[in-house]
Amino acid sequence: MKLKKLYKHDNKKQIWRIIPTSNNKLVIEERDNKTKEVFFNCLEIKSGGRIFVDFQLDEKSWIGIETVYNDIIFFHSYGNHEMPAHKSIIAFDIHSKNILWQNDNYVYSFIYDDIIYCYQQRFESRVYYALDHLTGNMIKEIGSDISEILQLREKANEDFGKQNYLFPEYFNPNDLLTEEYQRYLQNIKVNDAIEGDISYLKIDNLLMLNYHQISDAKNYTNIFIAVDLLKNKILLKEILDKNLVNLMPESFFVKDDILFLIVDKTKLLVYQIKE
């Protein structure tokens, strides 16, 4: 196995979300810690070519991404600054870089088969609606009976499961050590000064793992390692963050054959996994 570095994205802002699209694009939500403003970027997923960079809507801070679907970004705003519940749906087309439609009366729930399912919060219940994802026009009012919504949401989750996302899992040292990669993880757990869990992801003979080493100063270093198990060779080692007071969750995932790594919370490293 090989790891080919494709590019590094570094806008000097804190990365909040990374969303690979089904059409080979990468949408990144970033925030400036000083101004609290949010910025959105869209890249070609394998080349890093810029489709747009540091895009902002009229609302500069209290806004975020719900999802990306067929090259349309669906944004939300927030109810208020003290209790930031989501409100509004804003559909933004990646290609034209224009807002297709906006509706402030609904709250996004999920999307399935080109239909947005959303709701209005009433005094004691939610009333659900189905909207056309391209126009925002109402297709039907579903009402407050959530049985149909639950069935559709399950289908939407099944669709997401088919999109070839791979996320790390936590290693349990008490499991039976019958696999070579489990012995490798156990050796790291025993020989290195590790605090907390090891998260790992195995693809064929490629083992990727993320863990925290504790220093003499009692702070933590977040480390990522990729190993070719056949050759017993480290392909990549990156310090994802250092001088941490608290343990951080894993900072990597894979979609299709692309590895995404977040470094220092502000840099995105993109690698292609090759045989």
Protein backbone atom coordinates (compact mmCIF):
# COMPACT_ATOMS: atom_id res chain seq x y z
CA MET A 1 0.00 0.00 0.00
CA LYS A 2 1.07 3.59 -0.65
CA LEU A 3 -0.01 7.04 0.44
CA LYS A 4 0.32 9.77 -2.16
CA LYS A 5 0.08 13.31 -0.83
CA LEU A 6 -2.29 15.32 -3.01
CA TYR A 7 -2.27 18.76 -1.37
CA LYS A 8 -2.47 20.80 1.83
CA HIS A 9 -5.23 23.30 2.53
CA ASP A 10 -4.29 26.00 5.05
CA ASN A 11 -6.31 29.19 5.41
CA LYS A 12 -5.05 29.93 8.96
CA LYS A 13 -8.58 29.49 10.33
CA GLN A 14 -10.02 26.75 12.50
CA ILE A 15 -11.57 23.90 10.54
CA TRP A 16 -15.03 23.00 11.80
CA ARG A 17 -16.36 20.67 9.12
CA ILE A 18 -15.05 18.75 6.09
CA ILE A 19 -17.67 17.44 3.67
CA PRO A 20 -16.62 15.41 0.61
CA THR A 21 -19.41 15.49 -1.94
CA SER A 22 -20.70 12.72 -4.18
CA ASN A 23 -19.45 14.73 -7.19
CA ASN A 24 -15.75 14.82 -6.29
CA LYS A 25 -15.71 18.12 -4.48
CA LEU A 26 -14.69 19.04 -0.96
CA VAL A 27 -16.58 21.63 1.10
CA ILE A 28 -14.83 23.06 4.16
CA GLU A 29 -16.37 25.18 6.92
CA GLU A 30 -13.86 27.34 8.80
CA ARG A 31 -14.09 29.93 11.56
CA ASP A 32 -11.87 32.81 12.56
CA ASN A 33 -11.36 32.52 16.32
CA LYS A 34 -10.80 36.27 16.72
CA THR A 35 -13.68 37.69 14.69
CA LYS A 36 -15.96 34.64 15.12
CA GLU A 37 -16.81 34.89 11.43
CA VAL A 38 -17.40 31.76 9.36
CA PHE A 39 -15.95 31.11 5.88
CA PHE A 40 -16.72 28.42 3.33
CA ASN A 41 -14.37 26.86 0.79
CA CYS A 42 -14.93 24.40 -2.04
CA LEU A 43 -12.09 22.47 -3.71
CA GLU A 44 -11.72 19.80 -6.34
CA ILE A 45 -11.28 16.79 -4.11
CA LYS A 46 -8.19 15.23 -5.78
CA SER A 47 -6.41 18.24 -7.25
CA GLY A 48 -7.17 20.82 -4.56
CA GLY A 49 -8.23 23.22 -7.32
CA ARG A 50 -10.20 26.12 -5.90
CA ILE A 51 -13.85 26.44 -6.85
CA PHE A 52 -14.38 29.17 -4.27
CA VAL A 53 -12.44 30.31 -1.21
CA ASP A 54 -13.50 32.27 1.88
CA PHE A 55 -17.08 32.62 0.70
CA GLN A 56 -19.46 34.30 3.14
CA LEU A 57 -23.18 34.88 3.21
CA ASP A 58 -24.86 38.05 4.47
CA GLU A 59 -24.80 36.59 7.98
CA LYS A 60 -21.10 36.35 8.81
CA SER A 61 -21.08 34.44 12.09
CA TRP A 62 -24.29 32.67 13.10
CA ILE A 63 -24.55 30.31 10.17
CA GLY A 64 -23.42 26.78 9.28
CA ILE A 65 -23.84 23.85 6.90
CA GLU A 66 -26.60 21.26 7.23
CA THR A 67 -25.50 19.08 4.30
CA VAL A 68 -24.25 19.05 0.71
CA TYR A 69 -26.42 17.27 -1.86
CA ASN A 70 -25.86 17.12 -5.63
CA ASP A 71 -23.54 20.15 -5.51
CA ILE A 72 -26.01 22.22 -3.52
CA ILE A 73 -24.95 23.37 -0.05
CA PHE A 74 -27.81 23.67 2.40
CA PHE A 75 -27.02 26.24 5.08
CA HIS A 76 -28.82 27.04 8.31
CA SER A 77 -28.82 30.11 10.50
CA TYR A 78 -29.30 30.15 14.28
CA GLY A 79 -32.32 31.09 16.36
CA ASN A 80 -30.39 33.36 18.72
CA HIS A 81 -26.92 33.74 20.17
CA GLU A 82 -27.76 32.39 23.61
CA MET A 83 -29.53 29.21 22.42
CA PRO A 84 -28.17 28.47 18.94
CA ALA A 85 -30.89 26.15 17.62
CA HIS A 86 -30.96 25.83 13.85
CA LYS A 87 -33.48 27.76 11.78
CA SER A 88 -34.02 28.60 8.10
CA ILE A 89 -32.91 26.68 5.02
CA ILE A 90 -30.63 28.36 2.46
CA ALA A 91 -29.85 26.46 -0.76
CA PHE A 92 -26.60 27.53 -2.44
CA ASP A 93 -25.49 26.21 -5.85
CA ILE A 94 -21.77 25.40 -6.03
CA HIS A 95 -21.57 25.87 -9.81
CA SER A 96 -23.31 29.25 -10.16
CA LYS A 97 -22.20 30.41 -6.69
CA ASN A 98 -25.69 31.78 -6.16
CA ILE A 99 -28.43 31.20 -3.61
CA LEU A 100 -31.17 29.15 -5.29
CA TRP A 101 -33.76 29.71 -2.61
CA GLN A 102 -34.20 30.50 1.05
CA ASN A 103 -37.03 29.77 3.45
CA ASP A 104 -37.01 31.10 7.00
CA ASN A 105 -40.18 29.25 8.04
CA TYR A 106 -38.71 25.75 8.24
CA VAL A 107 -35.95 23.85 10.03
CA TYR A 108 -33.98 21.26 8.06
CA SER A 109 -34.24 17.64 9.17
CA PHE A 110 -32.77 15.45 6.37
CA ILE A 111 -32.82 14.91 2.61
CA TYR A 112 -33.77 11.77 0.71
CA ASP A 113 -34.43 11.11 -2.99
CA ASP A 114 -34.29 14.81 -3.98
CA ILE A 115 -36.76 15.83 -1.26
CA ILE A 116 -35.95 17.92 1.81
CA TYR A 117 -37.80 16.93 4.94
CA CYS A 118 -38.15 19.80 7.37
CA TYR A 119 -40.41 20.97 10.15
CA GLN A 120 -41.98 23.87 11.99
CA GLN A 121 -41.78 23.79 15.76
CA ARG A 122 -45.22 24.28 17.27
CA PHE A 123 -46.06 24.66 20.96
CA GLU A 124 -46.23 20.93 21.76
CA SER A 125 -45.14 19.19 18.56
CA ARG A 126 -43.35 19.45 15.24
CA VAL A 127 -45.20 19.63 11.95
CA TYR A 128 -43.23 18.10 9.07
CA TYR A 129 -43.15 19.12 5.41
CA ALA A 130 -41.58 17.85 2.19
CA LEU A 131 -39.90 20.41 -0.10
CA ASP A 132 -38.43 20.21 -3.59
CA HIS A 133 -34.65 20.48 -3.05
CA LEU A 134 -34.11 22.61 -6.19
CA THR A 135 -36.88 25.17 -5.69
CA GLY A 136 -37.92 24.97 -2.05
CA ASN A 137 -41.54 24.58 -3.16
CA MET A 138 -43.71 22.51 -0.85
CA ILE A 139 -44.51 19.04 -2.15
CA LYS A 140 -46.76 18.07 0.74
CA GLU A 141 -47.51 18.62 4.40
CA ILE A 142 -46.76 15.44 6.33
CA GLY A 143 -48.07 16.64 9.68
CA SER A 144 -47.05 15.68 13.19
CA ASP A 145 -47.23 11.88 12.78
CA ILE A 146 -43.54 10.97 12.74
CA SER A 147 -43.94 7.33 11.61
CA GLU A 148 -43.45 8.29 7.94
CA ILE A 149 -40.54 10.56 8.86
CA LEU A 150 -38.79 7.77 10.79
CA GLN A 151 -39.10 5.36 7.85
CA LEU A 152 -37.75 7.92 5.41
CA ARG A 153 -34.91 8.90 7.74
CA GLU A 154 -33.87 5.25 7.99
CA LYS A 155 -33.70 5.06 4.19
CA ALA A 156 -31.65 8.27 4.13
CA ASN A 157 -29.24 6.77 6.66
CA GLU A 158 -28.95 3.63 4.53
CA ASP A 159 -28.07 5.80 1.52
CA PHE A 160 -25.37 7.56 3.54
CA GLY A 161 -23.96 4.17 4.51
CA LYS A 162 -23.40 3.40 0.82
CA GLN A 163 -21.19 6.46 0.24
CA ASN A 164 -17.93 4.71 1.17
CA TYR A 165 -17.11 6.70 4.28
CA LEU A 166 -14.74 4.92 6.67
CA PHE A 167 -14.32 6.16 10.22
CA PRO A 168 -11.90 4.87 12.87
CA GLU A 169 -12.99 2.71 15.76
CA TYR A 170 -11.52 2.35 19.22
CA PHE A 171 -9.12 -0.48 19.97
CA ASN A 172 -10.03 -2.71 22.90
CA PRO A 173 -6.86 -4.36 24.27
CA ASN A 174 -8.97 -7.02 25.96
CA ASP A 175 -10.13 -8.45 22.63
CA LEU A 176 -8.61 -11.72 21.47
CA LEU A 177 -5.39 -10.89 19.65
CA THR A 178 -5.76 -13.12 16.63
CA GLU A 179 -4.89 -10.60 13.93
CA GLU A 180 -1.50 -9.12 13.11
CA TYR A 181 -2.84 -5.58 13.31
CA GLN A 182 -4.26 -6.23 16.76
CA ARG A 183 -0.83 -7.34 17.97
CA TYR A 184 0.64 -4.18 16.44
CA LEU A 185 -1.86 -2.04 18.33
CA GLN A 186 -1.21 -3.94 21.53
CA ASN A 187 2.55 -3.34 21.22
CA ILE A 188 2.00 0.39 20.83
CA LYS A 189 -0.29 0.39 23.84
CA VAL A 190 2.31 -1.39 25.95
CA ASN A 191 5.54 0.27 24.73
CA ASP A 192 4.52 3.92 24.22
CA ALA A 193 3.44 6.37 26.90
CA ILE A 194 -0.16 6.53 25.69
CA GLU A 195 -3.06 8.19 27.44
CA GLY A 196 -6.64 7.37 26.45
CA ASP A 197 -7.82 5.20 23.59
CA ILE A 198 -6.20 4.25 20.30
CA SER A 199 -8.50 4.79 17.34
CA TYR A 200 -7.70 2.83 14.22
CA LEU A 201 -8.85 2.02 10.72
CA LYS A 202 -7.63 -0.92 8.65
CA ILE A 203 -7.96 -1.07 4.84
CA ASP A 204 -6.46 -4.27 3.44
CA ASN A 205 -2.82 -4.14 4.57
CA LEU A 206 -2.91 -0.46 5.52
CA LEU A 207 -3.31 0.25 9.23
CA MET A 208 -4.03 3.84 10.28
CA LEU A 209 -4.08 4.80 13.92
CA ASN A 210 -4.43 7.86 16.09
CA TYR A 211 -3.39 8.14 19.73
CA HIS A 212 -2.10 10.56 22.39
CA GLN A 213 1.33 10.45 23.98
CA ILE A 214 1.75 12.06 27.36
CA SER A 215 4.82 14.19 28.03
CA ASP A 216 6.83 14.85 31.17
CA ALA A 217 4.94 18.16 31.42
CA LYS A 218 1.70 16.15 31.56
CA ASN A 219 0.31 17.52 28.31
CA TYR A 220 -0.61 15.49 25.25
CA THR A 221 0.58 15.08 21.68
CA ASN A 222 -1.95 13.78 19.16
CA ILE A 223 -0.20 11.42 16.70
CA PHE A 224 -1.30 9.77 13.46
CA ILE A 225 0.57 6.80 11.97
CA ALA A 226 -0.07 4.81 8.78
CA VAL A 227 1.62 1.40 8.52
CA ASP A 228 2.03 -1.08 5.68
CA LEU A 229 1.51 -4.32 7.59
CA LEU A 230 2.95 -6.55 4.86
CA LYS A 231 6.23 -4.67 4.83
CA ASN A 232 6.07 -3.71 8.52
CA LYS A 233 6.87 -0.18 7.37
CA ILE A 234 5.61 3.18 8.60
CA LEU A 235 4.33 5.07 5.54
CA LEU A 236 3.36 8.27 7.31
CA LYS A 237 3.66 9.80 10.75
CA GLU A 238 2.11 13.17 11.53
CA ILE A 239 1.78 15.15 14.74
CA LEU A 240 -1.82 16.33 14.49
CA ASP A 241 -1.68 18.52 17.58
CA LYS A 242 0.62 19.11 20.56
CA ASN A 243 0.73 20.69 23.99
CA LEU A 244 -2.87 19.64 24.52
CA VAL A 245 -4.45 19.96 27.94
CA ASN A 246 -7.28 17.58 27.06
CA LEU A 247 -7.50 14.52 24.84
CA MET A 248 -8.86 15.33 21.39
CA PRO A 249 -11.09 13.04 19.31
CA GLU A 250 -9.67 11.34 16.24
CA SER A 251 -8.78 13.74 13.43
CA PHE A 252 -8.90 11.54 10.35
CA PHE A 253 -11.31 9.66 8.12
CA VAL A 254 -11.41 8.08 4.66
CA LYS A 255 -13.86 8.43 1.80
CA ASP A 256 -13.41 6.17 -1.21
CA ASP A 257 -9.60 6.17 -1.65
CA ILE A 258 -8.93 9.57 -0.05
CA LEU A 259 -7.51 10.09 3.46
CA PHE A 260 -8.27 13.37 5.24
CA LEU A 261 -6.09 14.55 8.14
CA ILE A 262 -6.60 17.69 10.24
CA VAL A 263 -3.38 19.16 11.68
CA ASP A 264 -3.28 21.84 14.39
CA LYS A 265 -7.04 22.30 13.85
CA THR A 266 -6.27 24.64 10.92
CA LYS A 267 -4.58 22.55 8.22
CA LEU A 268 -6.07 19.84 6.07
CA LEU A 269 -3.77 17.22 4.53
CA VAL A 270 -5.22 15.11 1.73
CA TYR A 271 -3.70 11.78 0.65
CA GLN A 272 -4.68 9.19 -1.91
CA ILE A 273 -4.52 5.54 -0.84
CA LYS A 274 -2.98 3.42 -3.57
CA GLU A 275 -2.12 -0.26 -3.85
